[in-house]
Amino acid sequence: MKKLSFTLITLTTTLLVFVTCQKQTEITSLTVKWKIGLSMPSTETCQRAGISNVLVELDPGTEVIKKEENCYTGEASFSEIPRVGYRVYISGLDSKGCVVYYTEGEVKPDSDSISQSFMLEWVPSSGNISIDWWFEDGRFCSYHQSPSVRVMIFKDDVKIVDEEVDCDKGNYTMRGAQPARYSIRIETSTSEGLFCVEYHDLNLEPCGGIEISEPLTACQM
């Protein structure tokens, strides 16, 4: 009887794993300092100016980072924030939360830790105009092929703001607005045509505010 011989062949499969490394966003620490006019902040100078707290807002063009501190501390510190350019808004608030001192500027962090000073200036009972928008169908701006929104603000029928804002940001805030009557129009060109929303004869009272939140709809021609 013929003997059969078998050879066992072992197949080795090598599994290759590809790891994609994404570049991490660099972070930094930022300290924003303020003066009240030419005076260094102290309990006395803050009381004399009528400032209780100071609100510092960092706007990188996306989500705004906020911090509120007692006036006399003279600074607000932000840690582990993205190392990008920021628009800085600083508001001196009285005991009722009204803006009585204000300034704004730019910060471009170029190191792991940065400190920058700003001078607060008196403003007569100003307020903020805040506008939120979205599409009525709830879809993102990219779906409608709308990269930006045009924001126009009129004070007593005189155009004072005409800016293009990233549509995905979903908000525009005008800080330090003076008491008056305002009209607002926001519009954007989409793949389906022009979308917009308008507001007329809005009254901003001293130390008041205007907050608007409405969906963008097809403009009626």
C-alpha atoms as a PDB file:
ATOM      1  CA  MET A   1       0.000   0.000   0.000  1.00  0.00           C
ATOM      2  CA  LYS A   2       1.391   3.363  -1.030  1.00  0.00           C
ATOM      3  CA  LYS A   3       1.960   5.743   1.820  1.00  0.00           C
ATOM      4  CA  LEU A   4       0.655   9.256   1.302  1.00  0.00           C
ATOM      5  CA  SER A   5       2.724  12.177   2.522  1.00  0.00           C
ATOM      6  CA  PHE A   6       1.227  15.562   3.427  1.00  0.00           C
ATOM      7  CA  THR A   7       3.129  18.797   3.796  1.00  0.00           C
ATOM      8  CA  LEU A   8       1.589  21.421   6.043  1.00  0.00           C
ATOM      9  CA  ILE A   9       2.022  24.876   4.646  1.00  0.00           C
ATOM     10  CA  THR A  10       1.576  27.741   7.077  1.00  0.00           C
ATOM     11  CA  LEU A  11       0.579  31.046   5.612  1.00  0.00           C
ATOM     12  CA  THR A  12       1.530  34.101   7.604  1.00  0.00           C
ATOM     13  CA  THR A  13      -0.440  37.210   6.969  1.00  0.00           C
ATOM     14  CA  THR A  14       1.074  40.497   8.000  1.00  0.00           C
ATOM     15  CA  LEU A  15      -1.431  43.087   9.075  1.00  0.00           C
ATOM     16  CA  LEU A  16      -0.371  46.584   8.197  1.00  0.00           C
ATOM     17  CA  VAL A  17      -1.876  49.292  10.301  1.00  0.00           C
ATOM     18  CA  PHE A  18      -1.724  52.809   8.991  1.00  0.00           C
ATOM     19  CA  VAL A  19      -1.951  55.494  11.633  1.00  0.00           C
ATOM     20  CA  THR A  20      -2.842  58.952  10.455  1.00  0.00           C
ATOM     21  CA  CYS A  21      -1.388  61.640  12.639  1.00  0.00           C
ATOM     22  CA  GLN A  22      -3.274  64.895  12.677  1.00  0.00           C
ATOM     23  CA  LYS A  23      -1.515  68.087  13.569  1.00  0.00           C
ATOM     24  CA  GLN A  24      -2.635  69.269  16.974  1.00  0.00           C
ATOM     25  CA  THR A  25      -3.619  72.870  17.508  1.00  0.00           C
ATOM     26  CA  GLU A  26      -0.964  74.751  19.445  1.00  0.00           C
ATOM     27  CA  ILE A  27      -2.148  76.244  22.720  1.00  0.00           C
ATOM     28  CA  THR A  28      -1.098  79.288  24.693  1.00  0.00           C
ATOM     29  CA  SER A  29      -1.896  81.308  27.795  1.00  0.00           C
ATOM     30  CA  LEU A  30      -3.092  84.891  27.542  1.00  0.00           C
ATOM     31  CA  THR A  31      -3.411  87.594  30.193  1.00  0.00           C
ATOM     32  CA  VAL A  32      -5.461  90.650  29.273  1.00  0.00           C
ATOM     33  CA  LYS A  33      -4.798  93.698  31.453  1.00  0.00           C
ATOM     34  CA  TRP A  34      -6.665  96.983  31.560  1.00  0.00           C
ATOM     35  CA  LYS A  35      -6.330 100.574  32.707  1.00  0.00           C
ATOM     36  CA  ILE A  36      -9.154 102.995  33.417  1.00  0.00           C
ATOM     37  CA  GLY A  37      -8.105 105.891  31.263  1.00  0.00           C
ATOM     38  CA  LEU A  38      -4.531 106.502  32.388  1.00  0.00           C
ATOM     39  CA  SER A  39      -5.138 105.148  35.902  1.00  0.00           C
ATOM     40  CA  MET A  40      -4.134 101.729  37.149  1.00  0.00           C
ATOM     41  CA  PRO A  41      -7.115  99.728  38.441  1.00  0.00           C
ATOM     42  CA  SER A  42      -7.667  99.740  42.191  1.00  0.00           C
ATOM     43  CA  THR A  43     -10.646  99.686  44.513  1.00  0.00           C
ATOM     44  CA  GLU A  44     -10.608 103.489  44.582  1.00  0.00           C
ATOM     45  CA  THR A  45     -10.222 104.119  40.838  1.00  0.00           C
ATOM     46  CA  CYS A  46     -12.851 101.504  39.965  1.00  0.00           C
ATOM     47  CA  GLN A  47     -15.371 103.009  42.386  1.00  0.00           C
ATOM     48  CA  ARG A  48     -14.673 106.493  41.068  1.00  0.00           C
ATOM     49  CA  ALA A  49     -15.296 105.278  37.493  1.00  0.00           C
ATOM     50  CA  GLY A  50     -18.408 103.374  38.553  1.00  0.00           C
ATOM     51  CA  ILE A  51     -17.047 100.021  37.345  1.00  0.00           C
ATOM     52  CA  SER A  52     -17.837  96.871  39.335  1.00  0.00           C
ATOM     53  CA  ASN A  53     -16.695  94.107  36.976  1.00  0.00           C
ATOM     54  CA  VAL A  54     -14.839  93.882  33.686  1.00  0.00           C
ATOM     55  CA  LEU A  55     -15.955  91.462  30.965  1.00  0.00           C
ATOM     56  CA  VAL A  56     -13.250  90.272  28.560  1.00  0.00           C
ATOM     57  CA  GLU A  57     -14.282  88.500  25.347  1.00  0.00           C
ATOM     58  CA  LEU A  58     -11.877  86.768  22.956  1.00  0.00           C
ATOM     59  CA  ASP A  59     -13.212  86.241  19.447  1.00  0.00           C
ATOM     60  CA  PRO A  60     -11.118  83.970  17.191  1.00  0.00           C
ATOM     61  CA  GLY A  61     -13.773  84.098  14.474  1.00  0.00           C
ATOM     62  CA  THR A  62     -15.646  81.062  15.794  1.00  0.00           C
ATOM     63  CA  GLU A  63     -16.835  80.557  19.361  1.00  0.00           C
ATOM     64  CA  VAL A  64     -16.251  83.533  21.670  1.00  0.00           C
ATOM     65  CA  ILE A  65     -14.357  82.881  24.933  1.00  0.00           C
ATOM     66  CA  LYS A  66     -15.548  85.013  27.879  1.00  0.00           C
ATOM     67  CA  LYS A  67     -14.319  85.789  31.367  1.00  0.00           C
ATOM     68  CA  GLU A  68     -15.581  88.337  33.924  1.00  0.00           C
ATOM     69  CA  GLU A  69     -13.406  89.622  36.757  1.00  0.00           C
ATOM     70  CA  ASN A  70     -13.614  92.254  39.494  1.00  0.00           C
ATOM     71  CA  CYS A  71     -12.441  95.607  38.161  1.00  0.00           C
ATOM     72  CA  TYR A  72      -9.713  96.128  40.764  1.00  0.00           C
ATOM     73  CA  THR A  73      -7.887  92.889  39.830  1.00  0.00           C
ATOM     74  CA  GLY A  74      -6.752  94.627  36.651  1.00  0.00           C
ATOM     75  CA  GLU A  75      -6.493  91.481  34.560  1.00  0.00           C
ATOM     76  CA  ALA A  76      -8.182  88.360  33.213  1.00  0.00           C
ATOM     77  CA  SER A  77      -6.170  85.237  32.471  1.00  0.00           C
ATOM     78  CA  PHE A  78      -6.981  82.579  29.893  1.00  0.00           C
ATOM     79  CA  SER A  79      -5.102  79.265  29.916  1.00  0.00           C
ATOM     80  CA  GLU A  80      -4.826  76.506  27.311  1.00  0.00           C
ATOM     81  CA  ILE A  81      -6.527  78.414  24.518  1.00  0.00           C
ATOM     82  CA  PRO A  82      -5.709  77.913  20.807  1.00  0.00           C
ATOM     83  CA  ARG A  83      -2.724  79.957  19.640  1.00  0.00           C
ATOM     84  CA  VAL A  84      -4.574  81.976  17.016  1.00  0.00           C
ATOM     85  CA  GLY A  85      -5.355  85.640  16.481  1.00  0.00           C
ATOM     86  CA  TYR A  86      -8.134  87.107  18.630  1.00  0.00           C
ATOM     87  CA  ARG A  87     -10.325  90.168  18.480  1.00  0.00           C
ATOM     88  CA  VAL A  88     -10.521  91.358  22.095  1.00  0.00           C
ATOM     89  CA  TYR A  89     -13.551  93.171  23.539  1.00  0.00           C
ATOM     90  CA  ILE A  90     -13.286  94.644  27.052  1.00  0.00           C
ATOM     91  CA  SER A  91     -16.347  96.083  28.801  1.00  0.00           C
ATOM     92  CA  GLY A  92     -16.362  97.870  32.146  1.00  0.00           C
ATOM     93  CA  LEU A  93     -19.715  97.097  33.805  1.00  0.00           C
ATOM     94  CA  ASP A  94     -21.456  99.039  36.547  1.00  0.00           C
ATOM     95  CA  SER A  95     -23.367  97.425  39.430  1.00  0.00           C
ATOM     96  CA  LYS A  96     -26.401  96.891  37.152  1.00  0.00           C
ATOM     97  CA  GLY A  97     -24.362  95.250  34.395  1.00  0.00           C
ATOM     98  CA  CYS A  98     -24.440  98.306  32.131  1.00  0.00           C
ATOM     99  CA  VAL A  99     -21.413  99.042  29.959  1.00  0.00           C
ATOM    100  CA  VAL A 100     -19.873 102.327  31.157  1.00  0.00           C
ATOM    101  CA  TYR A 101     -16.297 101.849  29.868  1.00  0.00           C
ATOM    102  CA  TYR A 102     -15.244  99.994  26.747  1.00  0.00           C
ATOM    103  CA  THR A 103     -12.414  99.248  24.343  1.00  0.00           C
ATOM    104  CA  GLU A 104     -11.395  96.631  21.790  1.00  0.00           C
ATOM    105  CA  GLY A 105      -8.263  95.532  19.966  1.00  0.00           C
ATOM    106  CA  GLU A 106      -6.259  92.664  18.488  1.00  0.00           C
ATOM    107  CA  VAL A 107      -4.034  90.007  20.046  1.00  0.00           C
ATOM    108  CA  LYS A 108      -1.817  87.664  18.029  1.00  0.00           C
ATOM    109  CA  PRO A 109      -0.111  85.210  20.416  1.00  0.00           C
ATOM    110  CA  ASP A 110       3.389  84.342  19.208  1.00  0.00           C
ATOM    111  CA  SER A 111       4.611  82.400  22.253  1.00  0.00           C
ATOM    112  CA  ASP A 112       3.456  79.963  24.930  1.00  0.00           C
ATOM    113  CA  SER A 113       2.460  82.808  27.230  1.00  0.00           C
ATOM    114  CA  ILE A 114       1.584  86.406  26.421  1.00  0.00           C
ATOM    115  CA  SER A 115       0.365  89.481  28.305  1.00  0.00           C
ATOM    116  CA  GLN A 116      -1.183  92.554  26.717  1.00  0.00           C
ATOM    117  CA  SER A 117      -2.633  95.760  28.163  1.00  0.00           C
ATOM    118  CA  PHE A 118      -5.589  97.847  26.982  1.00  0.00           C
ATOM    119  CA  MET A 119      -6.989 101.228  28.003  1.00  0.00           C
ATOM    120  CA  LEU A 120     -10.690 101.412  28.847  1.00  0.00           C
ATOM    121  CA  GLU A 121     -12.503 104.549  27.689  1.00  0.00           C
ATOM    122  CA  TRP A 122     -15.741 106.042  28.990  1.00  0.00           C
ATOM    123  CA  VAL A 123     -18.847 105.446  26.866  1.00  0.00           C
ATOM    124  CA  PRO A 124     -22.261 107.033  27.493  1.00  0.00           C
ATOM    125  CA  SER A 125     -24.636 104.242  28.586  1.00  0.00           C
ATOM    126  CA  SER A 126     -23.975 102.000  25.610  1.00  0.00           C
ATOM    127  CA  GLY A 127     -25.401  98.540  24.907  1.00  0.00           C
ATOM    128  CA  ASN A 128     -24.990  95.567  22.596  1.00  0.00           C
ATOM    129  CA  ILE A 129     -26.885  94.471  19.507  1.00  0.00           C
ATOM    130  CA  SER A 130     -26.720  90.685  19.154  1.00  0.00           C
ATOM    131  CA  ILE A 131     -28.007  88.868  16.054  1.00  0.00           C
ATOM    132  CA  ASP A 132     -28.338  85.082  15.694  1.00  0.00           C
ATOM    133  CA  TRP A 133     -29.271  83.340  12.443  1.00  0.00           C
ATOM    134  CA  TRP A 134     -29.850  79.893  10.988  1.00  0.00           C
ATOM    135  CA  PHE A 135     -31.686  78.407   8.021  1.00  0.00           C
ATOM    136  CA  GLU A 136     -35.379  77.657   8.512  1.00  0.00           C
ATOM    137  CA  ASP A 137     -34.895  74.017   7.443  1.00  0.00           C
ATOM    138  CA  GLY A 138     -32.258  73.532  10.131  1.00  0.00           C
ATOM    139  CA  ARG A 139     -29.520  72.559   7.657  1.00  0.00           C
ATOM    140  CA  PHE A 140     -25.942  73.817   7.828  1.00  0.00           C
ATOM    141  CA  CYS A 141     -24.642  76.731   5.775  1.00  0.00           C
ATOM    142  CA  SER A 142     -22.498  74.355   3.703  1.00  0.00           C
ATOM    143  CA  TYR A 143     -25.631  72.484   2.574  1.00  0.00           C
ATOM    144  CA  HIS A 144     -27.000  75.723   1.169  1.00  0.00           C
ATOM    145  CA  GLN A 145     -23.575  76.633  -0.268  1.00  0.00           C
ATOM    146  CA  SER A 146     -23.550  79.806   1.798  1.00  0.00           C
ATOM    147  CA  PRO A 147     -20.029  80.658   3.031  1.00  0.00           C
ATOM    148  CA  SER A 148     -20.857  84.082   4.472  1.00  0.00           C
ATOM    149  CA  VAL A 149     -23.650  86.347   5.660  1.00  0.00           C
ATOM    150  CA  ARG A 150     -23.803  90.075   4.980  1.00  0.00           C
ATOM    151  CA  VAL A 151     -24.765  92.058   8.087  1.00  0.00           C
ATOM    152  CA  MET A 152     -26.070  95.614   7.678  1.00  0.00           C
ATOM    153  CA  ILE A 153     -27.045  97.851  10.591  1.00  0.00           C
ATOM    154  CA  PHE A 154     -28.613 101.280  10.193  1.00  0.00           C
ATOM    155  CA  LYS A 155     -28.717 103.898  12.960  1.00  0.00           C
ATOM    156  CA  ASP A 156     -31.405 106.526  12.376  1.00  0.00           C
ATOM    157  CA  ASP A 157     -31.444 105.461   8.667  1.00  0.00           C
ATOM    158  CA  VAL A 158     -27.654 105.866   8.323  1.00  0.00           C
ATOM    159  CA  LYS A 159     -25.721 102.664   7.536  1.00  0.00           C
ATOM    160  CA  ILE A 160     -23.062 102.175  10.215  1.00  0.00           C
ATOM    161  CA  VAL A 161     -22.227  98.476   9.694  1.00  0.00           C
ATOM    162  CA  ASP A 162     -21.776  96.543   6.444  1.00  0.00           C
ATOM    163  CA  GLU A 163     -19.732  93.386   7.052  1.00  0.00           C
ATOM    164  CA  GLU A 164     -19.335  89.866   5.686  1.00  0.00           C
ATOM    165  CA  VAL A 165     -19.403  87.275   8.492  1.00  0.00           C
ATOM    166  CA  ASP A 166     -18.702  83.537   8.362  1.00  0.00           C
ATOM    167  CA  CYS A 167     -22.142  81.944   7.977  1.00  0.00           C
ATOM    168  CA  ASP A 168     -21.296  79.014  10.257  1.00  0.00           C
ATOM    169  CA  LYS A 169     -20.527  81.412  13.126  1.00  0.00           C
ATOM    170  CA  GLY A 170     -24.268  82.063  13.421  1.00  0.00           C
ATOM    171  CA  ASN A 171     -23.883  85.309  15.370  1.00  0.00           C
ATOM    172  CA  TYR A 172     -22.864  88.918  15.009  1.00  0.00           C
ATOM    173  CA  THR A 173     -22.577  91.264  17.986  1.00  0.00           C
ATOM    174  CA  MET A 174     -22.163  95.018  17.779  1.00  0.00           C
ATOM    175  CA  ARG A 175     -20.731  96.181  21.094  1.00  0.00           C
ATOM    176  CA  GLY A 176     -20.833  99.692  22.479  1.00  0.00           C
ATOM    177  CA  ALA A 177     -23.913 100.741  20.503  1.00  0.00           C
ATOM    178  CA  GLN A 178     -25.335 104.133  21.471  1.00  0.00           C
ATOM    179  CA  PRO A 179     -29.012 104.666  22.401  1.00  0.00           C
ATOM    180  CA  ALA A 180     -30.974 105.226  19.167  1.00  0.00           C
ATOM    181  CA  ARG A 181     -33.359 103.528  16.759  1.00  0.00           C
ATOM    182  CA  TYR A 182     -31.850 100.810  14.582  1.00  0.00           C
ATOM    183  CA  SER A 183     -32.791  98.794  11.518  1.00  0.00           C
ATOM    184  CA  ILE A 184     -31.033  95.539  10.656  1.00  0.00           C
ATOM    185  CA  ARG A 185     -30.781  93.402   7.531  1.00  0.00           C
ATOM    186  CA  ILE A 186     -28.853  90.164   7.094  1.00  0.00           C
ATOM    187  CA  GLU A 187     -28.677  88.347   3.788  1.00  0.00           C
ATOM    188  CA  THR A 188     -26.800  85.527   2.091  1.00  0.00           C
ATOM    189  CA  SER A 189     -26.590  84.106  -1.415  1.00  0.00           C
ATOM    190  CA  THR A 190     -27.315  80.374  -1.561  1.00  0.00           C
ATOM    191  CA  SER A 191     -27.663  77.693  -4.199  1.00  0.00           C
ATOM    192  CA  GLU A 192     -31.426  78.327  -4.036  1.00  0.00           C
ATOM    193  CA  GLY A 193     -31.259  82.123  -4.270  1.00  0.00           C
ATOM    194  CA  LEU A 194     -31.100  85.024  -1.849  1.00  0.00           C
ATOM    195  CA  PHE A 195     -32.075  84.399   1.793  1.00  0.00           C
ATOM    196  CA  CYS A 196     -32.557  87.236   4.257  1.00  0.00           C
ATOM    197  CA  VAL A 197     -34.270  88.640   7.323  1.00  0.00           C
ATOM    198  CA  GLU A 198     -34.979  92.259   8.249  1.00  0.00           C
ATOM    199  CA  TYR A 199     -35.867  94.214  11.391  1.00  0.00           C
ATOM    200  CA  HIS A 200     -37.024  97.826  11.499  1.00  0.00           C
ATOM    201  CA  ASP A 201     -37.393 100.572  14.083  1.00  0.00           C
ATOM    202  CA  LEU A 202     -35.667  98.759  16.954  1.00  0.00           C
ATOM    203  CA  ASN A 203     -35.223 101.005  19.980  1.00  0.00           C
ATOM    204  CA  LEU A 204     -31.994 100.661  21.970  1.00  0.00           C
ATOM    205  CA  GLU A 205     -32.514 102.365  25.309  1.00  0.00           C
ATOM    206  CA  PRO A 206     -29.696 103.663  27.526  1.00  0.00           C
ATOM    207  CA  CYS A 207     -27.844 100.738  29.055  1.00  0.00           C
ATOM    208  CA  GLY A 208     -30.127  98.384  27.157  1.00  0.00           C
ATOM    209  CA  GLY A 209     -29.626  95.700  24.575  1.00  0.00           C
ATOM    210  CA  ILE A 210     -31.170  94.264  21.434  1.00  0.00           C
ATOM    211  CA  GLU A 211     -31.152  90.483  20.942  1.00  0.00           C
ATOM    212  CA  ILE A 212     -32.477  88.995  17.721  1.00  0.00           C
ATOM    213  CA  SER A 213     -32.773  85.328  16.797  1.00  0.00           C
ATOM    214  CA  GLU A 214     -34.588  84.480  13.572  1.00  0.00           C
ATOM    215  CA  PRO A 215     -34.220  81.950  10.727  1.00  0.00           C
ATOM    216  CA  LEU A 216     -33.059  83.009   7.279  1.00  0.00           C
ATOM    217  CA  THR A 217     -35.846  82.598   4.726  1.00  0.00           C
ATOM    218  CA  ALA A 218     -36.133  83.149   0.978  1.00  0.00           C
ATOM    219  CA  CYS A 219     -36.326  86.876   0.285  1.00  0.00           C
ATOM    220  CA  GLN A 220     -39.576  88.220  -1.085  1.00  0.00           C
ATOM    221  CA  MET A 221     -38.691  90.238  -4.174  1.00  0.00           C
END
